Amino acid sequence: MKKLFACGIFAFLMLLTGCTDKPVLPAQLPMPITSFIQQNFPGQTISFAQKDLEITGWQYDVVLADGTQIEFDTDQVWDKIQSTLTNPVPTALIPAPIVTQIQAQFPQAMILKIDKESYGYEIELANGLELKFNEQGALMEMDD
């Protein structure tokens, strides 16, 4: 019983210290992740991939050759995309009401980051503005 308890404590401490981060080869990524990248970032290769053990399961972090970083949740669905000036976040991945508002208010701005949050989405534009939208796509907050 003591050994089992000690093993449980050790596993918990590993989770807290991040010892569960493991680099993976692109070929070892789950099919939904590689399909997502091929469909939304055609021609891009994966430079680095890592899986992280969280309380809810495995999450994946991927860096593409152009520097784009994509985080996937335990369901292997993107959770955060941080792109570069040369390749902004594809608008097909952003809810339509958000794209419409950004194009109307900031027609020249490129979307460099999108992050799914509990309230909706956080967007970062190339001009430095950070925008927060609710799940329905209504602008809630703007910060520079």
N, C-alpha and C. Protein backbone atom coordinates (compact mmCIF):
# COMPACT_ATOMS: atom_id res chain seq x y z
N MET A 1 0.83 -1.19 0.00
CA MET A 1 0.00 0.00 0.00
C MET A 1 0.87 1.26 0.00
N LYS A 2 1.96 1.22 0.79
CA LYS A 2 2.85 2.38 0.84
C LYS A 2 3.52 2.62 -0.51
N LYS A 3 3.87 1.52 -1.20
CA LYS A 3 4.52 1.66 -2.51
C LYS A 3 3.55 2.28 -3.51
N LEU A 4 2.31 1.85 -3.48
CA LEU A 4 1.30 2.39 -4.38
C LEU A 4 1.10 3.89 -4.13
N PHE A 5 1.03 4.26 -2.86
CA PHE A 5 0.88 5.66 -2.49
C PHE A 5 2.09 6.47 -2.96
N ALA A 6 3.29 5.94 -2.77
CA ALA A 6 4.51 6.62 -3.18
C ALA A 6 4.55 6.79 -4.70
N CYS A 7 4.12 5.76 -5.43
CA CYS A 7 4.08 5.85 -6.89
C CYS A 7 3.10 6.93 -7.34
N GLY A 8 1.95 6.99 -6.66
CA GLY A 8 0.96 8.02 -6.98
C GLY A 8 1.50 9.41 -6.75
N ILE A 9 2.20 9.61 -5.63
CA ILE A 9 2.81 10.91 -5.33
C ILE A 9 3.86 11.26 -6.38
N PHE A 10 4.68 10.28 -6.76
CA PHE A 10 5.72 10.50 -7.77
C PHE A 10 5.10 10.91 -9.10
N ALA A 11 4.05 10.22 -9.53
CA ALA A 11 3.38 10.55 -10.79
C ALA A 11 2.78 11.96 -10.73
N PHE A 12 2.18 12.31 -9.62
CA PHE A 12 1.61 13.64 -9.45
C PHE A 12 2.69 14.71 -9.53
N LEU A 13 3.82 14.48 -8.90
CA LEU A 13 4.94 15.44 -8.94
C LEU A 13 5.49 15.57 -10.36
N MET A 14 5.52 14.47 -11.10
CA MET A 14 5.96 14.55 -12.49
C MET A 14 5.03 15.44 -13.30
N LEU A 15 3.74 15.33 -13.06
CA LEU A 15 2.78 16.19 -13.76
C LEU A 15 3.02 17.66 -13.43
N LEU A 16 3.28 17.94 -12.17
CA LEU A 16 3.49 19.32 -11.75
C LEU A 16 4.78 19.90 -12.30
N THR A 17 5.81 19.10 -12.42
CA THR A 17 7.10 19.62 -12.87
C THR A 17 7.28 19.58 -14.37
N GLY A 18 6.33 19.03 -15.09
CA GLY A 18 6.42 19.02 -16.55
C GLY A 18 7.35 17.95 -17.09
N CYS A 19 7.67 16.94 -16.33
CA CYS A 19 8.55 15.87 -16.79
C CYS A 19 7.87 14.99 -17.83
N THR A 20 6.66 15.27 -18.14
CA THR A 20 5.92 14.44 -19.08
C THR A 20 5.94 15.00 -20.49
N ASP A 21 6.65 16.09 -20.74
CA ASP A 21 6.77 16.64 -22.09
C ASP A 21 7.72 15.74 -22.88
N LYS A 22 7.25 15.27 -24.04
CA LYS A 22 8.05 14.36 -24.84
C LYS A 22 8.05 14.81 -26.29
N PRO A 23 9.24 15.02 -26.87
CA PRO A 23 9.28 15.30 -28.31
C PRO A 23 8.77 14.09 -29.08
N VAL A 24 8.09 14.33 -30.17
CA VAL A 24 7.61 13.25 -31.04
C VAL A 24 7.97 13.58 -32.48
N LEU A 25 8.16 12.55 -33.27
CA LEU A 25 8.40 12.73 -34.69
C LEU A 25 7.08 13.08 -35.37
N PRO A 26 7.12 13.86 -36.45
CA PRO A 26 5.88 14.20 -37.15
C PRO A 26 5.05 12.96 -37.52
N ALA A 27 5.72 11.87 -37.87
CA ALA A 27 5.00 10.65 -38.24
C ALA A 27 4.28 10.01 -37.05
N GLN A 28 4.64 10.41 -35.83
CA GLN A 28 4.01 9.87 -34.63
C GLN A 28 2.80 10.68 -34.17
N LEU A 29 2.54 11.80 -34.83
CA LEU A 29 1.39 12.61 -34.46
C LEU A 29 0.10 11.91 -34.85
N PRO A 30 -0.95 12.10 -34.06
CA PRO A 30 -2.25 11.50 -34.43
C PRO A 30 -2.74 12.03 -35.78
N MET A 31 -3.45 11.19 -36.50
CA MET A 31 -3.95 11.52 -37.84
C MET A 31 -4.79 12.81 -37.87
N PRO A 32 -5.68 13.06 -36.90
CA PRO A 32 -6.44 14.32 -36.97
C PRO A 32 -5.54 15.56 -36.97
N ILE A 33 -4.41 15.49 -36.28
CA ILE A 33 -3.50 16.65 -36.22
C ILE A 33 -2.79 16.82 -37.55
N THR A 34 -2.24 15.74 -38.11
CA THR A 34 -1.55 15.87 -39.39
C THR A 34 -2.51 16.27 -40.51
N SER A 35 -3.72 15.75 -40.47
CA SER A 35 -4.73 16.13 -41.48
C SER A 35 -5.07 17.61 -41.38
N PHE A 36 -5.23 18.09 -40.15
CA PHE A 36 -5.53 19.51 -39.92
C PHE A 36 -4.43 20.38 -40.50
N ILE A 37 -3.18 20.01 -40.25
CA ILE A 37 -2.05 20.82 -40.74
C ILE A 37 -1.99 20.77 -42.27
N GLN A 38 -2.14 19.60 -42.86
CA GLN A 38 -2.10 19.49 -44.32
C GLN A 38 -3.21 20.29 -44.98
N GLN A 39 -4.39 20.29 -44.37
CA GLN A 39 -5.54 20.99 -44.95
C GLN A 39 -5.43 22.51 -44.79
N ASN A 40 -4.99 22.98 -43.62
CA ASN A 40 -5.02 24.41 -43.33
C ASN A 40 -3.70 25.13 -43.52
N PHE A 41 -2.63 24.38 -43.60
CA PHE A 41 -1.30 24.96 -43.81
C PHE A 41 -0.58 24.18 -44.91
N PRO A 42 -1.16 24.17 -46.12
CA PRO A 42 -0.59 23.36 -47.20
C PRO A 42 0.84 23.78 -47.53
N GLY A 43 1.65 22.79 -47.77
CA GLY A 43 3.04 23.05 -48.13
C GLY A 43 3.97 23.25 -46.94
N GLN A 44 3.41 23.37 -45.75
CA GLN A 44 4.23 23.56 -44.55
C GLN A 44 4.66 22.21 -44.00
N THR A 45 5.89 22.17 -43.53
CA THR A 45 6.38 20.96 -42.88
C THR A 45 6.46 21.20 -41.38
N ILE A 46 6.44 20.12 -40.65
CA ILE A 46 6.52 20.19 -39.19
C ILE A 46 7.99 20.19 -38.78
N SER A 47 8.40 21.25 -38.09
CA SER A 47 9.78 21.36 -37.61
C SER A 47 9.98 20.69 -36.27
N PHE A 48 8.95 20.78 -35.43
CA PHE A 48 9.06 20.24 -34.07
C PHE A 48 7.66 19.88 -33.58
N ALA A 49 7.59 18.79 -32.84
CA ALA A 49 6.33 18.40 -32.22
C ALA A 49 6.62 17.81 -30.85
N GLN A 50 5.69 18.05 -29.95
CA GLN A 50 5.85 17.59 -28.57
C GLN A 50 4.49 17.23 -28.03
N LYS A 51 4.46 16.18 -27.21
CA LYS A 51 3.21 15.86 -26.53
C LYS A 51 3.41 16.08 -25.04
N ASP A 52 2.39 16.61 -24.41
CA ASP A 52 2.42 16.96 -22.99
C ASP A 52 1.31 16.21 -22.28
N LEU A 53 1.65 15.54 -21.21
CA LEU A 53 0.63 14.86 -20.43
C LEU A 53 0.02 15.84 -19.44
N GLU A 54 -1.26 16.08 -19.60
CA GLU A 54 -2.02 16.93 -18.69
C GLU A 54 -2.97 16.05 -17.91
N ILE A 55 -3.63 16.61 -16.95
CA ILE A 55 -4.57 15.84 -16.14
C ILE A 55 -5.66 15.21 -17.01
N THR A 56 -6.07 15.92 -18.07
CA THR A 56 -7.15 15.44 -18.92
C THR A 56 -6.68 14.52 -20.05
N GLY A 57 -5.37 14.38 -20.25
CA GLY A 57 -4.84 13.52 -21.30
C GLY A 57 -3.69 14.18 -22.04
N TRP A 58 -3.34 13.63 -23.20
CA TRP A 58 -2.22 14.15 -23.99
C TRP A 58 -2.64 15.36 -24.80
N GLN A 59 -1.82 16.41 -24.72
CA GLN A 59 -1.96 17.58 -25.58
C GLN A 59 -0.73 17.64 -26.46
N TYR A 60 -0.85 18.28 -27.61
CA TYR A 60 0.26 18.34 -28.56
C TYR A 60 0.58 19.78 -28.91
N ASP A 61 1.88 20.06 -29.03
CA ASP A 61 2.37 21.36 -29.49
C ASP A 61 3.16 21.10 -30.76
N VAL A 62 2.87 21.87 -31.80
CA VAL A 62 3.53 21.68 -33.08
C VAL A 62 4.06 23.02 -33.57
N VAL A 63 5.28 23.00 -34.11
CA VAL A 63 5.87 24.19 -34.72
C VAL A 63 6.13 23.85 -36.18
N LEU A 64 5.61 24.71 -37.07
CA LEU A 64 5.80 24.51 -38.50
C LEU A 64 7.08 25.20 -38.96
N ALA A 65 7.52 24.86 -40.17
CA ALA A 65 8.78 25.40 -40.70
C ALA A 65 8.79 26.92 -40.78
N ASP A 66 7.62 27.54 -40.98
CA ASP A 66 7.57 29.01 -41.08
C ASP A 66 7.49 29.69 -39.71
N GLY A 67 7.49 28.91 -38.63
CA GLY A 67 7.44 29.47 -37.28
C GLY A 67 6.07 29.46 -36.65
N THR A 68 5.04 29.07 -37.40
CA THR A 68 3.70 28.99 -36.84
C THR A 68 3.67 27.93 -35.74
N GLN A 69 3.03 28.29 -34.61
CA GLN A 69 2.90 27.37 -33.48
C GLN A 69 1.42 27.04 -33.30
N ILE A 70 1.15 25.74 -33.15
CA ILE A 70 -0.23 25.29 -32.98
C ILE A 70 -0.28 24.38 -31.76
N GLU A 71 -1.23 24.66 -30.87
CA GLU A 71 -1.46 23.81 -29.71
C GLU A 71 -2.77 23.06 -29.92
N PHE A 72 -2.73 21.76 -29.63
CA PHE A 72 -3.92 20.92 -29.77
C PHE A 72 -4.32 20.40 -28.40
N ASP A 73 -5.62 20.37 -28.13
CA ASP A 73 -6.12 19.89 -26.84
C ASP A 73 -6.17 18.37 -26.82
N THR A 74 -6.69 17.82 -25.76
CA THR A 74 -6.73 16.37 -25.59
C THR A 74 -7.64 15.68 -26.60
N ASP A 75 -8.54 16.43 -27.23
CA ASP A 75 -9.40 15.88 -28.28
C ASP A 75 -8.76 16.01 -29.65
N GLN A 76 -7.50 16.48 -29.68
CA GLN A 76 -6.72 16.66 -30.91
C GLN A 76 -7.32 17.72 -31.82
N VAL A 77 -7.93 18.74 -31.20
CA VAL A 77 -8.51 19.88 -31.90
C VAL A 77 -7.65 21.09 -31.54
N TRP A 78 -7.40 21.97 -32.51
CA TRP A 78 -6.55 23.13 -32.21
C TRP A 78 -7.17 23.96 -31.10
N ASP A 79 -6.28 24.49 -30.27
CA ASP A 79 -6.69 25.32 -29.14
C ASP A 79 -6.09 26.72 -29.26
N LYS A 80 -4.91 26.79 -29.88
CA LYS A 80 -4.23 28.08 -30.03
C LYS A 80 -3.36 28.01 -31.27
N ILE A 81 -3.39 29.09 -32.04
CA ILE A 81 -2.53 29.21 -33.22
C ILE A 81 -1.84 30.55 -33.15
N GLN A 82 -0.52 30.52 -33.22
CA GLN A 82 0.28 31.75 -33.26
C GLN A 82 1.08 31.69 -34.55
N SER A 83 0.82 32.63 -35.44
CA SER A 83 1.44 32.60 -36.75
C SER A 83 2.48 33.71 -36.89
N THR A 84 2.92 33.91 -38.11
CA THR A 84 3.95 34.91 -38.40
C THR A 84 3.40 35.97 -39.36
N LEU A 85 4.14 37.03 -39.52
CA LEU A 85 3.72 38.08 -40.45
C LEU A 85 3.63 37.58 -41.88
N THR A 86 4.47 36.62 -42.23
CA THR A 86 4.45 36.13 -43.60
C THR A 86 3.29 35.17 -43.86
N ASN A 87 2.79 34.52 -42.83
CA ASN A 87 1.67 33.59 -42.96
C ASN A 87 0.70 33.77 -41.81
N PRO A 88 -0.22 34.73 -41.90
CA PRO A 88 -1.17 34.94 -40.79
C PRO A 88 -2.10 33.74 -40.61
N VAL A 89 -2.86 33.74 -39.53
CA VAL A 89 -3.81 32.67 -39.24
C VAL A 89 -4.82 32.60 -40.39
N PRO A 90 -5.04 31.41 -40.95
CA PRO A 90 -6.04 31.29 -42.03
C PRO A 90 -7.43 31.70 -41.53
N THR A 91 -8.08 32.57 -42.28
CA THR A 91 -9.40 33.05 -41.85
C THR A 91 -10.44 31.94 -41.80
N ALA A 92 -10.21 30.85 -42.51
CA ALA A 92 -11.15 29.73 -42.47
C ALA A 92 -11.23 29.10 -41.08
N LEU A 93 -10.22 29.34 -40.24
CA LEU A 93 -10.19 28.77 -38.89
C LEU A 93 -10.82 29.69 -37.86
N ILE A 94 -11.20 30.89 -38.27
CA ILE A 94 -11.74 31.89 -37.36
C ILE A 94 -13.25 32.00 -37.60
N PRO A 95 -14.04 32.02 -36.53
CA PRO A 95 -15.49 32.15 -36.73
C PRO A 95 -15.83 33.36 -37.61
N ALA A 96 -16.75 33.16 -38.53
CA ALA A 96 -17.12 34.19 -39.52
C ALA A 96 -17.49 35.53 -38.91
N PRO A 97 -18.28 35.60 -37.81
CA PRO A 97 -18.61 36.92 -37.26
C PRO A 97 -17.37 37.70 -36.80
N ILE A 98 -16.37 36.98 -36.33
CA ILE A 98 -15.13 37.64 -35.88
C ILE A 98 -14.37 38.17 -37.09
N VAL A 99 -14.25 37.37 -38.13
CA VAL A 99 -13.56 37.82 -39.35
C VAL A 99 -14.25 39.05 -39.92
N THR A 100 -15.57 39.03 -39.97
CA THR A 100 -16.34 40.16 -40.51
C THR A 100 -16.06 41.43 -39.73
N GLN A 101 -16.08 41.35 -38.41
CA GLN A 101 -15.83 42.54 -37.58
C GLN A 101 -14.41 43.07 -37.76
N ILE A 102 -13.46 42.18 -37.77
CA ILE A 102 -12.06 42.61 -37.91
C ILE A 102 -11.84 43.25 -39.28
N GLN A 103 -12.39 42.65 -40.34
CA GLN A 103 -12.22 43.22 -41.67
C GLN A 103 -12.90 44.57 -41.79
N ALA A 104 -14.02 44.77 -41.08
CA ALA A 104 -14.73 46.05 -41.13
C ALA A 104 -14.00 47.13 -40.34
N GLN A 105 -13.50 46.79 -39.15
CA GLN A 105 -12.88 47.78 -38.28
C GLN A 105 -11.39 47.97 -38.54
N PHE A 106 -10.71 46.91 -38.97
CA PHE A 106 -9.26 46.96 -39.19
C PHE A 106 -8.93 46.27 -40.52
N PRO A 107 -9.33 46.89 -41.64
CA PRO A 107 -9.23 46.21 -42.94
C PRO A 107 -7.81 45.79 -43.33
N GLN A 108 -6.79 46.47 -42.86
CA GLN A 108 -5.42 46.13 -43.25
C GLN A 108 -4.72 45.20 -42.25
N ALA A 109 -5.35 44.93 -41.12
CA ALA A 109 -4.69 44.17 -40.05
C ALA A 109 -4.72 42.67 -40.34
N MET A 110 -3.58 42.03 -40.07
CA MET A 110 -3.50 40.58 -40.19
C MET A 110 -3.70 39.96 -38.81
N ILE A 111 -4.33 38.80 -38.79
CA ILE A 111 -4.55 38.08 -37.54
C ILE A 111 -3.35 37.16 -37.32
N LEU A 112 -2.61 37.42 -36.24
CA LEU A 112 -1.41 36.64 -35.96
C LEU A 112 -1.62 35.57 -34.89
N LYS A 113 -2.68 35.71 -34.10
CA LYS A 113 -2.89 34.72 -33.03
C LYS A 113 -4.37 34.59 -32.76
N ILE A 114 -4.79 33.35 -32.55
CA ILE A 114 -6.14 33.07 -32.07
C ILE A 114 -6.01 32.04 -30.96
N ASP A 115 -6.71 32.29 -29.88
CA ASP A 115 -6.63 31.41 -28.71
C ASP A 115 -8.05 31.18 -28.21
N LYS A 116 -8.45 29.91 -28.14
CA LYS A 116 -9.76 29.59 -27.60
C LYS A 116 -9.70 29.73 -26.09
N GLU A 117 -10.65 30.46 -25.54
CA GLU A 117 -10.74 30.68 -24.10
C GLU A 117 -12.12 30.23 -23.61
N SER A 118 -12.30 30.19 -22.31
CA SER A 118 -13.59 29.75 -21.75
C SER A 118 -14.73 30.68 -22.16
N TYR A 119 -14.45 31.96 -22.37
CA TYR A 119 -15.48 32.93 -22.72
C TYR A 119 -15.68 33.05 -24.23
N GLY A 120 -14.73 32.56 -25.02
CA GLY A 120 -14.80 32.70 -26.46
C GLY A 120 -13.43 32.63 -27.10
N TYR A 121 -12.98 33.76 -27.67
CA TYR A 121 -11.71 33.79 -28.40
C TYR A 121 -10.92 35.04 -28.06
N GLU A 122 -9.61 34.88 -28.02
CA GLU A 122 -8.70 36.02 -27.91
C GLU A 122 -7.93 36.07 -29.22
N ILE A 123 -7.93 37.24 -29.83
CA ILE A 123 -7.29 37.45 -31.13
C ILE A 123 -6.21 38.52 -30.97
N GLU A 124 -5.07 38.30 -31.62
CA GLU A 124 -4.02 39.32 -31.64
C GLU A 124 -3.77 39.70 -33.09
N LEU A 125 -3.79 41.01 -33.34
CA LEU A 125 -3.56 41.52 -34.69
C LEU A 125 -2.11 41.95 -34.86
N ALA A 126 -1.67 42.06 -36.10
CA ALA A 126 -0.30 42.47 -36.40
C ALA A 126 -0.02 43.90 -35.93
N ASN A 127 -1.05 44.72 -35.78
CA ASN A 127 -0.86 46.10 -35.32
C ASN A 127 -0.74 46.19 -33.79
N GLY A 128 -0.74 45.03 -33.11
CA GLY A 128 -0.55 45.01 -31.66
C GLY A 128 -1.84 44.97 -30.85
N LEU A 129 -2.98 45.13 -31.48
CA LEU A 129 -4.24 45.09 -30.75
C LEU A 129 -4.58 43.66 -30.33
N GLU A 130 -5.10 43.54 -29.12
CA GLU A 130 -5.63 42.27 -28.64
C GLU A 130 -7.14 42.44 -28.47
N LEU A 131 -7.87 41.54 -29.08
CA LEU A 131 -9.32 41.61 -29.07
C LEU A 131 -9.89 40.37 -28.41
N LYS A 132 -10.94 40.55 -27.61
CA LYS A 132 -11.61 39.42 -26.98
C LYS A 132 -13.05 39.38 -27.48
N PHE A 133 -13.43 38.20 -27.94
CA PHE A 133 -14.77 37.99 -28.47
C PHE A 133 -15.46 36.90 -27.67
N ASN A 134 -16.79 37.02 -27.50
CA ASN A 134 -17.51 35.94 -26.84
C ASN A 134 -17.74 34.81 -27.85
N GLU A 135 -18.38 33.74 -27.42
CA GLU A 135 -18.58 32.57 -28.28
C GLU A 135 -19.44 32.87 -29.51
N GLN A 136 -20.29 33.89 -29.42
CA GLN A 136 -21.14 34.27 -30.54
C GLN A 136 -20.41 35.21 -31.51
N GLY A 137 -19.21 35.64 -31.16
CA GLY A 137 -18.43 36.49 -32.04
C GLY A 137 -18.60 37.97 -31.78
N ALA A 138 -19.21 38.35 -30.66
CA ALA A 138 -19.37 39.76 -30.33
C ALA A 138 -18.11 40.26 -29.61
N LEU A 139 -17.63 41.42 -30.03
CA LEU A 139 -16.44 42.02 -29.42
C LEU A 139 -16.76 42.41 -27.98
N MET A 140 -15.94 41.91 -27.05
CA MET A 140 -16.14 42.19 -25.63
C MET A 140 -15.12 43.20 -25.10
N GLU A 141 -13.90 43.14 -25.63
CA GLU A 141 -12.82 43.97 -25.07
C GLU A 141 -11.75 44.17 -26.12
N MET A 142 -11.11 45.35 -26.06
CA MET A 142 -10.01 45.68 -26.97
C MET A 142 -8.89 46.27 -26.13
N ASP A 143 -7.66 45.82 -26.38
CA ASP A 143 -6.51 46.30 -25.62
C ASP A 143 -5.34 46.47 -26.57
N ASP A 144 -4.57 47.54 -26.35
CA ASP A 144 -3.39 47.72 -27.22
C ASP A 144 -2.10 47.54 -26.48
